[in-house]
Amino acid sequence: MRRDTLFFRIFQEFPELLFQLTGDPPLNAAEYRFNSVAVKEPTFTIDGVFEPPVLDGTGTMYLAEVQMQLDPKLYDRRKPR
C-alpha cells in the first residue's frame, strides 16, 4: 500500500496537529518530531511516530496509522491461524 504522503507531509511540518485531534496536548506539542519507521522481520511499516523532543523517558511517544481511503475491512484483516 502506498504511504499516505499528504498526511506524512502535514504531520512532518505541523506535528502539533495530532494533539488537536486527541484533545490532550502536552505543553511541548510543537516540539514533537514526526517520522515514519519500518520494523524488520518481516518489514512492518508504521505510518508515523511522534517522538517527544527529548527521549529521556519522561515524554510519551505516539504511533499513528493514517487511513485516507474508505476501507470497511480495515480492522478485519486478521491472518488465519
PDB file of N, CA and C in Angstrom:
ATOM      1  N   MET A   1       0.835  -1.178   0.000  1.00  0.00           N
ATOM      2  CA  MET A   1       0.000   0.000   0.000  1.00  0.00           C
ATOM      3  C   MET A   1       0.882   1.244   0.000  1.00  0.00           C
ATOM      4  N   ARG A   2       0.473   2.231  -0.750  1.00  0.00           N
ATOM      5  CA  ARG A   2       1.249   3.459  -0.802  1.00  0.00           C
ATOM      6  C   ARG A   2       1.184   4.193   0.531  1.00  0.00           C
ATOM      7  N   ARG A   3       2.265   4.889   0.832  1.00  0.00           N
ATOM      8  CA  ARG A   3       2.282   5.720   2.036  1.00  0.00           C
ATOM      9  C   ARG A   3       1.340   6.898   1.814  1.00  0.00           C
ATOM     10  N   ASP A   4       0.647   7.286   2.825  1.00  0.00           N
ATOM     11  CA  ASP A   4      -0.263   8.429   2.731  1.00  0.00           C
ATOM     12  C   ASP A   4       0.566   9.704   2.820  1.00  0.00           C
ATOM     13  N   THR A   5       1.112  10.107   1.665  1.00  0.00           N
ATOM     14  CA  THR A   5       2.085  11.202   1.640  1.00  0.00           C
ATOM     15  C   THR A   5       1.514  12.541   2.083  1.00  0.00           C
ATOM     16  N   LEU A   6       0.243  12.779   1.837  1.00  0.00           N
ATOM     17  CA  LEU A   6      -0.348  14.051   2.260  1.00  0.00           C
ATOM     18  C   LEU A   6      -0.268  14.186   3.775  1.00  0.00           C
ATOM     19  N   PHE A   7      -0.709  13.158   4.496  1.00  0.00           N
ATOM     20  CA  PHE A   7      -0.645  13.219   5.950  1.00  0.00           C
ATOM     21  C   PHE A   7       0.794  13.236   6.447  1.00  0.00           C
ATOM     22  N   PHE A   8       1.647  12.495   5.774  1.00  0.00           N
ATOM     23  CA  PHE A   8       3.057  12.489   6.168  1.00  0.00           C
ATOM     24  C   PHE A   8       3.629  13.899   6.104  1.00  0.00           C
ATOM     25  N   ARG A   9       3.381  14.602   5.012  1.00  0.00           N
ATOM     26  CA  ARG A   9       3.920  15.967   4.855  1.00  0.00           C
ATOM     27  C   ARG A   9       3.300  16.930   5.871  1.00  0.00           C
ATOM     28  N   ILE A  10       2.002  16.796   6.104  1.00  0.00           N
ATOM     29  CA  ILE A  10       1.335  17.689   7.063  1.00  0.00           C
ATOM     30  C   ILE A  10       1.890  17.478   8.469  1.00  0.00           C
ATOM     31  N   PHE A  11       1.954  16.220   8.922  1.00  0.00           N
ATOM     32  CA  PHE A  11       2.450  15.944  10.273  1.00  0.00           C
ATOM     33  C   PHE A  11       3.943  16.225  10.405  1.00  0.00           C
ATOM     34  N   GLN A  12       4.695  16.088   9.314  1.00  0.00           N
ATOM     35  CA  GLN A  12       6.121  16.398   9.355  1.00  0.00           C
ATOM     36  C   GLN A  12       6.315  17.886   9.651  1.00  0.00           C
ATOM     37  N   GLU A  13       5.488  18.708   9.043  1.00  0.00           N
ATOM     38  CA  GLU A  13       5.631  20.154   9.228  1.00  0.00           C
ATOM     39  C   GLU A  13       4.907  20.671  10.472  1.00  0.00           C
ATOM     40  N   PHE A  14       3.781  20.056  10.810  1.00  0.00           N
ATOM     41  CA  PHE A  14       2.978  20.525  11.940  1.00  0.00           C
ATOM     42  C   PHE A  14       2.635  19.365  12.883  1.00  0.00           C
ATOM     43  N   PRO A  15       3.591  18.812  13.605  1.00  0.00           N
ATOM     44  CA  PRO A  15       3.304  17.650  14.465  1.00  0.00           C
ATOM     45  C   PRO A  15       2.281  17.947  15.560  1.00  0.00           C
ATOM     46  N   GLU A  16       2.136  19.205  15.924  1.00  0.00           N
ATOM     47  CA  GLU A  16       1.183  19.542  16.981  1.00  0.00           C
ATOM     48  C   GLU A  16      -0.269  19.292  16.570  1.00  0.00           C
ATOM     49  N   LEU A  17      -0.537  19.103  15.275  1.00  0.00           N
ATOM     50  CA  LEU A  17      -1.903  18.821  14.815  1.00  0.00           C
ATOM     51  C   LEU A  17      -2.437  17.512  15.391  1.00  0.00           C
ATOM     52  N   LEU A  18      -1.562  16.545  15.614  1.00  0.00           N
ATOM     53  CA  LEU A  18      -2.010  15.292  16.232  1.00  0.00           C
ATOM     54  C   LEU A  18      -2.704  15.569  17.557  1.00  0.00           C
ATOM     55  N   PHE A  19      -2.158  16.453  18.325  1.00  0.00           N
ATOM     56  CA  PHE A  19      -2.683  16.714  19.659  1.00  0.00           C
ATOM     57  C   PHE A  19      -3.980  17.514  19.620  1.00  0.00           C
ATOM     58  N   GLN A  20      -4.220  18.221  18.530  1.00  0.00           N
ATOM     59  CA  GLN A  20      -5.527  18.856  18.367  1.00  0.00           C
ATOM     60  C   GLN A  20      -6.585  17.783  18.139  1.00  0.00           C
ATOM     61  N   LEU A  21      -6.204  16.703  17.473  1.00  0.00           N
ATOM     62  CA  LEU A  21      -7.148  15.598  17.248  1.00  0.00           C
ATOM     63  C   LEU A  21      -7.412  14.820  18.527  1.00  0.00           C
ATOM     64  N   THR A  22      -6.409  14.647  19.364  1.00  0.00           N
ATOM     65  CA  THR A  22      -6.586  13.874  20.599  1.00  0.00           C
ATOM     66  C   THR A  22      -7.249  14.694  21.690  1.00  0.00           C
ATOM     67  N   GLY A  23      -7.106  16.020  21.627  1.00  0.00           N
ATOM     68  CA  GLY A  23      -7.704  16.881  22.641  1.00  0.00           C
ATOM     69  C   GLY A  23      -6.935  16.911  23.947  1.00  0.00           C
ATOM     70  N   ASP A  24      -5.737  16.331  23.966  1.00  0.00           N
ATOM     71  CA  ASP A  24      -4.946  16.280  25.197  1.00  0.00           C
ATOM     72  C   ASP A  24      -3.483  16.620  24.891  1.00  0.00           C
ATOM     73  N   PRO A  25      -3.232  17.862  24.471  1.00  0.00           N
ATOM     74  CA  PRO A  25      -1.867  18.206  24.060  1.00  0.00           C
ATOM     75  C   PRO A  25      -0.912  18.364  25.233  1.00  0.00           C
ATOM     76  N   PRO A  26       0.319  17.844  25.082  1.00  0.00           N
ATOM     77  CA  PRO A  26       1.336  18.131  26.096  1.00  0.00           C
ATOM     78  C   PRO A  26       1.795  19.578  25.929  1.00  0.00           C
ATOM     79  N   LEU A  27       2.425  20.120  26.938  1.00  0.00           N
ATOM     80  CA  LEU A  27       2.882  21.509  26.865  1.00  0.00           C
ATOM     81  C   LEU A  27       3.873  21.729  25.736  1.00  0.00           C
ATOM     82  N   ASN A  28       4.633  20.708  25.371  1.00  0.00           N
ATOM     83  CA  ASN A  28       5.655  20.842  24.338  1.00  0.00           C
ATOM     84  C   ASN A  28       5.221  20.219  23.005  1.00  0.00           C
ATOM     85  N   ALA A  29       3.929  20.249  22.681  1.00  0.00           N
ATOM     86  CA  ALA A  29       3.399  19.597  21.480  1.00  0.00           C
ATOM     87  C   ALA A  29       4.093  20.067  20.205  1.00  0.00           C
ATOM     88  N   ALA A  30       4.406  21.331  20.086  1.00  0.00           N
ATOM     89  CA  ALA A  30       5.041  21.860  18.879  1.00  0.00           C
ATOM     90  C   ALA A  30       6.480  21.376  18.723  1.00  0.00           C
ATOM     91  N   GLU A  31       7.059  20.827  19.772  1.00  0.00           N
ATOM     92  CA  GLU A  31       8.449  20.371  19.717  1.00  0.00           C
ATOM     93  C   GLU A  31       8.566  18.893  19.342  1.00  0.00           C
ATOM     94  N   TYR A  32       7.445  18.192  19.215  1.00  0.00           N
ATOM     95  CA  TYR A  32       7.492  16.778  18.831  1.00  0.00           C
ATOM     96  C   TYR A  32       8.012  16.645  17.396  1.00  0.00           C
ATOM     97  N   ARG A  33       8.643  15.513  17.098  1.00  0.00           N
ATOM     98  CA  ARG A  33       9.126  15.213  15.757  1.00  0.00           C
ATOM     99  C   ARG A  33       8.286  14.067  15.198  1.00  0.00           C
ATOM    100  N   PHE A  34       7.989  14.145  13.917  1.00  0.00           N
ATOM    101  CA  PHE A  34       7.203  13.112  13.259  1.00  0.00           C
ATOM    102  C   PHE A  34       8.073  12.397  12.236  1.00  0.00           C
ATOM    103  N   ASN A  35       8.124  11.075  12.309  1.00  0.00           N
ATOM    104  CA  ASN A  35       8.891  10.262  11.369  1.00  0.00           C
ATOM    105  C   ASN A  35       8.097   9.022  11.010  1.00  0.00           C
ATOM    106  N   SER A  36       8.444   8.419   9.885  1.00  0.00           N
ATOM    107  CA  SER A  36       7.891   7.125   9.505  1.00  0.00           C
ATOM    108  C   SER A  36       9.005   6.107   9.700  1.00  0.00           C
ATOM    109  N   VAL A  37       8.673   4.967  10.269  1.00  0.00           N
ATOM    110  CA  VAL A  37       9.696   3.967  10.551  1.00  0.00           C
ATOM    111  C   VAL A  37       9.252   2.595  10.042  1.00  0.00           C
ATOM    112  N   ALA A  38      10.237   1.737   9.813  1.00  0.00           N
ATOM    113  CA  ALA A  38       9.972   0.345   9.437  1.00  0.00           C
ATOM    114  C   ALA A  38      10.654  -0.554  10.445  1.00  0.00           C
ATOM    115  N   VAL A  39       9.932  -1.568  10.879  1.00  0.00           N
ATOM    116  CA  VAL A  39      10.473  -2.546  11.815  1.00  0.00           C
ATOM    117  C   VAL A  39      10.727  -3.817  11.008  1.00  0.00           C
ATOM    118  N   LYS A  40      11.900  -4.394  11.144  1.00  0.00           N
ATOM    119  CA  LYS A  40      12.270  -5.569  10.348  1.00  0.00           C
ATOM    120  C   LYS A  40      11.572  -6.851  10.814  1.00  0.00           C
ATOM    121  N   GLU A  41      11.695  -7.848   9.984  1.00  0.00           N
ATOM    122  CA  GLU A  41      11.350  -9.251  10.231  1.00  0.00           C
ATOM    123  C   GLU A  41       9.892  -9.529  10.461  1.00  0.00           C
ATOM    124  N   PRO A  42       9.059  -9.694   9.511  1.00  0.00           N
ATOM    125  CA  PRO A  42       9.171  -9.106   8.183  1.00  0.00           C
ATOM    126  C   PRO A  42       8.904  -7.615   8.284  1.00  0.00           C
ATOM    127  N   THR A  43       9.171  -6.902   7.241  1.00  0.00           N
ATOM    128  CA  THR A  43       9.035  -5.445   7.302  1.00  0.00           C
ATOM    129  C   THR A  43       7.617  -5.058   7.693  1.00  0.00           C
ATOM    130  N   PHE A  44       7.534  -4.241   8.681  1.00  0.00           N
ATOM    131  CA  PHE A  44       6.275  -3.725   9.211  1.00  0.00           C
ATOM    132  C   PHE A  44       6.433  -2.218   9.257  1.00  0.00           C
ATOM    133  N   THR A  45       5.669  -1.497   8.457  1.00  0.00           N
ATOM    134  CA  THR A  45       5.819  -0.052   8.374  1.00  0.00           C
ATOM    135  C   THR A  45       4.777   0.637   9.245  1.00  0.00           C
ATOM    136  N   ILE A  46       5.246   1.547  10.060  1.00  0.00           N
ATOM    137  CA  ILE A  46       4.367   2.369  10.896  1.00  0.00           C
ATOM    138  C   ILE A  46       4.232   3.701  10.186  1.00  0.00           C
ATOM    139  N   ASP A  47       2.987   4.133   9.940  1.00  0.00           N
ATOM    140  CA  ASP A  47       2.794   5.382   9.205  1.00  0.00           C
ATOM    141  C   ASP A  47       3.504   6.551   9.867  1.00  0.00           C
ATOM    142  N   GLY A  48       3.437   6.616  11.166  1.00  0.00           N
ATOM    143  CA  GLY A  48       4.083   7.739  11.823  1.00  0.00           C
ATOM    144  C   GLY A  48       4.386   7.487  13.274  1.00  0.00           C
ATOM    145  N   VAL A  49       5.478   8.061  13.712  1.00  0.00           N
ATOM    146  CA  VAL A  49       5.877   8.021  15.112  1.00  0.00           C
ATOM    147  C   VAL A  49       6.098   9.466  15.536  1.00  0.00           C
ATOM    148  N   PHE A  50       5.355   9.894  16.538  1.00  0.00           N
ATOM    149  CA  PHE A  50       5.529  11.224  17.104  1.00  0.00           C
ATOM    150  C   PHE A  50       6.448  11.074  18.306  1.00  0.00           C
ATOM    151  N   GLU A  51       7.667  11.584  18.171  1.00  0.00           N
ATOM    152  CA  GLU A  51       8.663  11.459  19.232  1.00  0.00           C
ATOM    153  C   GLU A  51       8.718  12.735  20.060  1.00  0.00           C
ATOM    154  N   PRO A  52       8.784  12.608  21.386  1.00  0.00           N
ATOM    155  CA  PRO A  52       8.933  13.805  22.216  1.00  0.00           C
ATOM    156  C   PRO A  52      10.284  14.454  21.938  1.00  0.00           C
ATOM    157  N   PRO A  53      10.422  15.745  22.244  1.00  0.00           N
ATOM    158  CA  PRO A  53      11.664  16.460  21.933  1.00  0.00           C
ATOM    159  C   PRO A  53      12.901  15.846  22.570  1.00  0.00           C
ATOM    160  N   VAL A  54      12.758  15.266  23.748  1.00  0.00           N
ATOM    161  CA  VAL A  54      13.888  14.646  24.435  1.00  0.00           C
ATOM    162  C   VAL A  54      13.472  13.227  24.815  1.00  0.00           C
ATOM    163  N   LEU A  55      14.246  12.254  24.339  1.00  0.00           N
ATOM    164  CA  LEU A  55      13.929  10.861  24.655  1.00  0.00           C
ATOM    165  C   LEU A  55      14.615  10.476  25.964  1.00  0.00           C
ATOM    166  N   ASP A  56      14.068  10.981  27.067  1.00  0.00           N
ATOM    167  CA  ASP A  56      14.671  10.720  28.376  1.00  0.00           C
ATOM    168  C   ASP A  56      13.756   9.902  29.282  1.00  0.00           C
ATOM    169  N   GLY A  57      12.697   9.351  28.706  1.00  0.00           N
ATOM    170  CA  GLY A  57      11.783   8.538  29.494  1.00  0.00           C
ATOM    171  C   GLY A  57      10.650   9.313  30.130  1.00  0.00           C
ATOM    172  N   THR A  58      10.606  10.632  29.952  1.00  0.00           N
ATOM    173  CA  THR A  58       9.537  11.411  30.571  1.00  0.00           C
ATOM    174  C   THR A  58       8.425  11.760  29.589  1.00  0.00           C
ATOM    175  N   GLY A  59       8.709  11.754  28.298  1.00  0.00           N
ATOM    176  CA  GLY A  59       7.701  12.099  27.304  1.00  0.00           C
ATOM    177  C   GLY A  59       6.988  10.857  26.806  1.00  0.00           C
ATOM    178  N   THR A  60       5.864  11.068  26.151  1.00  0.00           N
ATOM    179  CA  THR A  60       5.092   9.972  25.585  1.00  0.00           C
ATOM    180  C   THR A  60       5.323   9.913  24.090  1.00  0.00           C
ATOM    181  N   MET A  61       5.584   8.725  23.563  1.00  0.00           N
ATOM    182  CA  MET A  61       5.734   8.525  22.134  1.00  0.00           C
ATOM    183  C   MET A  61       4.391   8.048  21.604  1.00  0.00           C
ATOM    184  N   TYR A  62       3.963   8.610  20.477  1.00  0.00           N
ATOM    185  CA  TYR A  62       2.677   8.257  19.875  1.00  0.00           C
ATOM    186  C   TYR A  62       2.914   7.585  18.535  1.00  0.00           C
ATOM    187  N   LEU A  63       2.193   6.493  18.271  1.00  0.00           N
ATOM    188  CA  LEU A  63       2.233   5.807  16.985  1.00  0.00           C
ATOM    189  C   LEU A  63       0.957   6.152  16.240  1.00  0.00           C
ATOM    190  N   ALA A  64       1.084   6.419  14.932  1.00  0.00           N
ATOM    191  CA  ALA A  64      -0.078   6.826  14.148  1.00  0.00           C
ATOM    192  C   ALA A  64      -0.257   5.932  12.933  1.00  0.00           C
ATOM    193  N   GLU A  65      -1.491   5.580  12.657  1.00  0.00           N
ATOM    194  CA  GLU A  65      -1.860   4.870  11.437  1.00  0.00           C
ATOM    195  C   GLU A  65      -2.856   5.766  10.718  1.00  0.00           C
ATOM    196  N   VAL A  66      -2.551   6.122   9.485  1.00  0.00           N
ATOM    197  CA  VAL A  66      -3.387   7.047   8.734  1.00  0.00           C
ATOM    198  C   VAL A  66      -4.121   6.279   7.652  1.00  0.00           C
ATOM    199  N   GLN A  67      -5.425   6.462   7.564  1.00  0.00           N
ATOM    200  CA  GLN A  67      -6.239   5.797   6.548  1.00  0.00           C
ATOM    201  C   GLN A  67      -6.948   6.871   5.745  1.00  0.00           C
ATOM    202  N   MET A  68      -6.593   6.998   4.473  1.00  0.00           N
ATOM    203  CA  MET A  68      -7.191   8.042   3.633  1.00  0.00           C
ATOM    204  C   MET A  68      -8.341   7.528   2.776  1.00  0.00           C
ATOM    205  N   GLN A  69      -8.411   6.232   2.535  1.00  0.00           N
ATOM    206  CA  GLN A  69      -9.449   5.706   1.677  1.00  0.00           C
ATOM    207  C   GLN A  69     -10.452   4.920   2.514  1.00  0.00           C
ATOM    208  N   LEU A  70     -11.691   4.941   2.070  1.00  0.00           N
ATOM    209  CA  LEU A  70     -12.719   4.155   2.744  1.00  0.00           C
ATOM    210  C   LEU A  70     -12.358   2.684   2.631  1.00  0.00           C
ATOM    211  N   ASP A  71     -12.321   2.002   3.739  1.00  0.00           N
ATOM    212  CA  ASP A  71     -11.971   0.585   3.747  1.00  0.00           C
ATOM    213  C   ASP A  71     -12.748  -0.096   4.866  1.00  0.00           C
ATOM    214  N   PRO A  72     -13.910  -0.679   4.554  1.00  0.00           N
ATOM    215  CA  PRO A  72     -14.733  -1.284   5.593  1.00  0.00           C
ATOM    216  C   PRO A  72     -14.074  -2.482   6.277  1.00  0.00           C
ATOM    217  N   LYS A  73     -13.034  -3.061   5.673  1.00  0.00           N
ATOM    218  CA  LYS A  73     -12.365  -4.213   6.274  1.00  0.00           C
ATOM    219  C   LYS A  73     -11.050  -3.823   6.946  1.00  0.00           C
ATOM    220  N   LEU A  74     -10.847  -2.546   7.206  1.00  0.00           N
ATOM    221  CA  LEU A  74      -9.585  -2.074   7.768  1.00  0.00           C
ATOM    222  C   LEU A  74      -9.206  -2.835   9.031  1.00  0.00           C
ATOM    223  N   TYR A  75     -10.141  -3.050   9.927  1.00  0.00           N
ATOM    224  CA  TYR A  75      -9.832  -3.721  11.185  1.00  0.00           C
ATOM    225  C   TYR A  75     -10.179  -5.217  11.144  1.00  0.00           C
ATOM    226  N   ASP A  76     -10.485  -5.739   9.966  1.00  0.00           N
ATOM    227  CA  ASP A  76     -10.875  -7.135   9.862  1.00  0.00           C
ATOM    228  C   ASP A  76      -9.961  -7.868   8.877  1.00  0.00           C
ATOM    229  N   ARG A  77      -8.665  -7.706   9.045  1.00  0.00           N
ATOM    230  CA  ARG A  77      -7.709  -8.362   8.157  1.00  0.00           C
ATOM    231  C   ARG A  77      -6.802  -9.305   8.937  1.00  0.00           C
ATOM    232  N   ARG A  78      -7.402 -10.058   9.819  1.00  0.00           N
ATOM    233  CA  ARG A  78      -6.610 -10.993  10.611  1.00  0.00           C
ATOM    234  C   ARG A  78      -6.178 -12.156   9.739  1.00  0.00           C
ATOM    235  N   LYS A  79      -4.960 -12.575   9.933  1.00  0.00           N
ATOM    236  CA  LYS A  79      -4.455 -13.739   9.203  1.00  0.00           C
ATOM    237  C   LYS A  79      -5.031 -14.997   9.842  1.00  0.00           C
ATOM    238  N   PRO A  80      -5.503 -15.939   9.016  1.00  0.00           N
ATOM    239  CA  PRO A  80      -5.991 -17.194   9.594  1.00  0.00           C
ATOM    240  C   PRO A  80      -4.841 -17.964  10.226  1.00  0.00           C
ATOM    241  N   ARG A  81      -5.114 -18.633  11.326  1.00  0.00           N
ATOM    242  CA  ARG A  81      -4.056 -19.404  12.019  1.00  0.00           C
ATOM    243  C   ARG A  81      -4.153 -20.856  11.684  1.00  0.00           C
TER     244      ARG A  81
END
